[in-house]
Protein backbone atom coordinates (compact mmCIF):
# COMPACT_ATOMS: atom_id res chain seq x y z
CA UNK A 1 0.00 0.00 0.00
CA UNK A 2 1.42 3.38 -0.94
CA UNK A 3 0.72 5.81 1.91
CA UNK A 4 -0.18 9.15 0.34
CA UNK A 5 -0.97 12.23 2.44
CA UNK A 6 -4.60 13.26 2.20
CA UNK A 7 -5.52 10.34 -0.06
CA UNK A 8 -5.35 7.15 1.98
CA UNK A 9 -3.69 8.04 5.29
CA UNK A 10 -6.79 9.31 7.08
CA UNK A 11 -8.38 7.25 9.83
CA UNK A 12 -11.51 6.72 7.71
CA UNK A 13 -9.55 5.56 4.64
CA UNK A 14 -7.41 3.20 6.72
CA UNK A 15 -10.44 1.65 8.45
CA UNK A 16 -12.02 1.11 5.01
CA UNK A 17 -8.82 -0.60 3.86
CA UNK A 18 -8.69 -2.68 7.05
CA UNK A 19 -12.23 -3.92 6.34
CA UNK A 20 -11.17 -5.09 2.88
CA UNK A 21 -7.98 -6.66 4.24
CA UNK A 22 -10.00 -8.61 6.83
CA UNK A 23 -11.79 -10.33 3.92
CA UNK A 24 -8.55 -10.96 2.01
CA UNK A 25 -6.60 -12.05 5.13
CA UNK A 26 -3.07 -11.23 3.94
CA UNK A 27 -0.09 -12.33 5.99
CA UNK A 28 1.57 -8.96 5.53
CA UNK A 29 0.84 -5.42 4.40
CA UNK A 30 3.78 -3.50 2.98
CA UNK A 31 3.65 0.27 3.40
CA UNK A 32 5.47 2.37 0.86
CA UNK A 33 5.79 6.09 0.28
CA UNK A 34 5.82 8.08 -2.95
CA UNK A 35 9.45 9.09 -2.47
CA UNK A 36 10.27 9.46 -6.15
CA UNK A 37 8.71 12.30 -8.10
CA UNK A 38 5.22 11.15 -9.10
CA UNK A 39 3.59 12.24 -12.35
CA UNK A 40 1.20 14.46 -10.38
CA UNK A 41 2.95 17.28 -8.51
CA UNK A 42 0.31 17.44 -5.75
CA UNK A 43 1.05 13.88 -4.50
CA UNK A 44 2.81 13.98 -1.12
CA UNK A 45 4.07 11.13 1.08
CA UNK A 46 2.24 10.47 4.32
CA UNK A 47 3.86 12.13 7.32
CA UNK A 48 5.04 10.26 10.42
CA UNK A 49 1.59 10.57 11.98
CA UNK A 50 -0.05 9.03 8.88
CA UNK A 51 2.40 6.12 8.91
CA UNK A 52 1.86 5.49 12.60
CA UNK A 53 -1.90 5.60 12.06
CA UNK A 54 -1.59 3.06 9.20
CA UNK A 55 0.56 0.78 11.32
CA UNK A 56 -1.88 0.95 14.25
CA UNK A 57 -5.06 0.36 12.24
CA UNK A 58 -3.76 -2.14 9.69
CA UNK A 59 -1.62 -3.92 12.30
CA UNK A 60 -4.78 -5.42 13.78
CA UNK A 61 -5.42 -7.18 10.47
CA UNK A 62 -1.96 -8.23 9.28
CA UNK A 63 1.72 -7.77 9.99
CA UNK A 64 2.68 -4.29 8.73
CA UNK A 65 6.09 -3.77 7.14
CA UNK A 66 7.20 -0.14 7.13
CA UNK A 67 8.78 1.61 4.16
CA UNK A 68 12.35 0.58 3.42
CA UNK A 69 15.05 1.92 1.18
CA UNK A 70 17.43 -0.14 -0.85
CA UNK A 71 20.02 0.04 -3.52
CA UNK A 72 20.42 -1.43 -6.97
CA UNK A 73 22.94 -4.08 -7.95
CA UNK A 74 24.77 -2.61 -10.93
CA UNK A 75 27.74 -4.97 -11.08
CA UNK A 76 26.74 -6.16 -14.55
CA UNK A 77 27.02 -2.63 -15.99
CA UNK A 78 30.38 -1.96 -17.61
CA UNK A 79 30.18 1.81 -17.83
CA UNK A 80 28.76 4.43 -15.50
CA UNK A 81 26.62 6.11 -18.17
CA UNK A 82 24.92 2.79 -18.97
CA UNK A 83 24.37 2.15 -15.26
CA UNK A 84 22.78 5.56 -14.67
CA UNK A 85 20.48 5.32 -17.67
CA UNK A 86 19.47 1.75 -16.76
CA UNK A 87 18.15 3.05 -13.43
CA UNK A 88 16.63 6.42 -14.28
CA UNK A 89 14.90 5.15 -17.41
CA UNK A 90 12.75 2.90 -15.20
CA UNK A 91 12.08 5.50 -12.50
CA UNK A 92 13.53 8.69 -11.00
CA UNK A 93 16.16 8.11 -8.35
CA UNK A 94 17.39 10.23 -5.46
CA UNK A 95 20.80 11.64 -6.24
CA UNK A 96 22.31 10.34 -2.99
CA UNK A 97 20.91 6.83 -3.61
CA UNK A 98 22.28 6.99 -7.15
CA UNK A 99 25.79 7.76 -5.84
CA UNK A 100 25.47 4.93 -3.29
CA UNK A 101 24.41 2.43 -5.95
CA UNK A 102 27.25 3.60 -8.21
CA UNK A 103 29.94 3.51 -5.53
CA UNK A 104 32.14 1.25 -7.65
CA UNK A 105 32.88 4.36 -9.74
CA UNK A 106 34.50 7.53 -8.33
CA UNK A 107 31.98 10.23 -7.33
CA UNK A 108 33.66 12.71 -9.69
CA UNK A 109 33.07 10.33 -12.64
CA UNK A 110 29.41 9.96 -11.68
CA UNK A 111 29.02 13.74 -11.36
CA UNK A 112 30.60 14.35 -14.77
CA UNK A 113 28.41 11.71 -16.44
CA UNK A 114 25.27 13.17 -14.86
CA UNK A 115 26.20 16.61 -16.17
CA UNK A 116 26.92 15.16 -19.61
CA UNK A 117 23.62 13.25 -19.68
CA UNK A 118 21.80 16.42 -18.65
CA UNK A 119 23.52 18.53 -21.31
CA UNK A 120 22.80 15.92 -23.99
CA UNK A 121 19.12 15.85 -23.03
CA UNK A 122 19.13 12.21 -21.90
CA UNK A 123 18.65 12.99 -18.20
CA UNK A 124 17.03 15.71 -16.14
CA UNK A 125 17.50 16.92 -12.59
CA UNK A 126 14.19 17.12 -10.69
CA UNK A 127 13.73 18.77 -7.30
CA UNK A 128 11.01 17.15 -5.18
CA UNK A 129 10.39 17.49 -1.45
CA UNK A 130 13.62 19.54 -1.33
CA UNK A 131 15.59 16.54 -2.61
CA UNK A 132 17.53 16.14 -5.87
CA UNK A 133 16.33 13.32 -8.16
CA UNK A 134 17.54 12.23 -11.58
CA UNK A 135 15.07 11.06 -14.22
CA UNK A 136 15.31 10.16 -17.88
CA UNK A 137 14.43 13.08 -20.12
CA UNK A 138 11.07 12.83 -21.77
CA UNK A 139 9.36 11.76 -18.54
CA UNK A 140 6.96 14.28 -17.09
CA UNK A 141 7.88 15.21 -13.54
CA UNK A 142 6.86 18.64 -12.34
CA UNK A 143 9.25 20.51 -10.08
């Protein structure tokens, strides 16, 4: 379940979801947040209170797993440009997570490739929630 502020993190929305989950009887409910820039600029992640509310209400129905972050395995990519494009073509990625996933290459190389991809029009820098993201050009992400 993606926890989105004002959409499905209210007490009423969560109780409605809990009613449906009681019929389905899942073993687990995974909470996620819209942390990458969504197509609609107005979409905001649930705040801490919304997440706690979801855990409390849905936790009576199934085990709730909170949002987690991860990194991508890019060992099969031979060059940093290919690695960057393979990630950001699928979805925008936080700049700091991108550097972490690309740690096999020097940060300066990653920075230069990002600038080059931006200048060539293959990548775009997107600011969202005060955080820098990289996305493939041609995708619509409002700043």
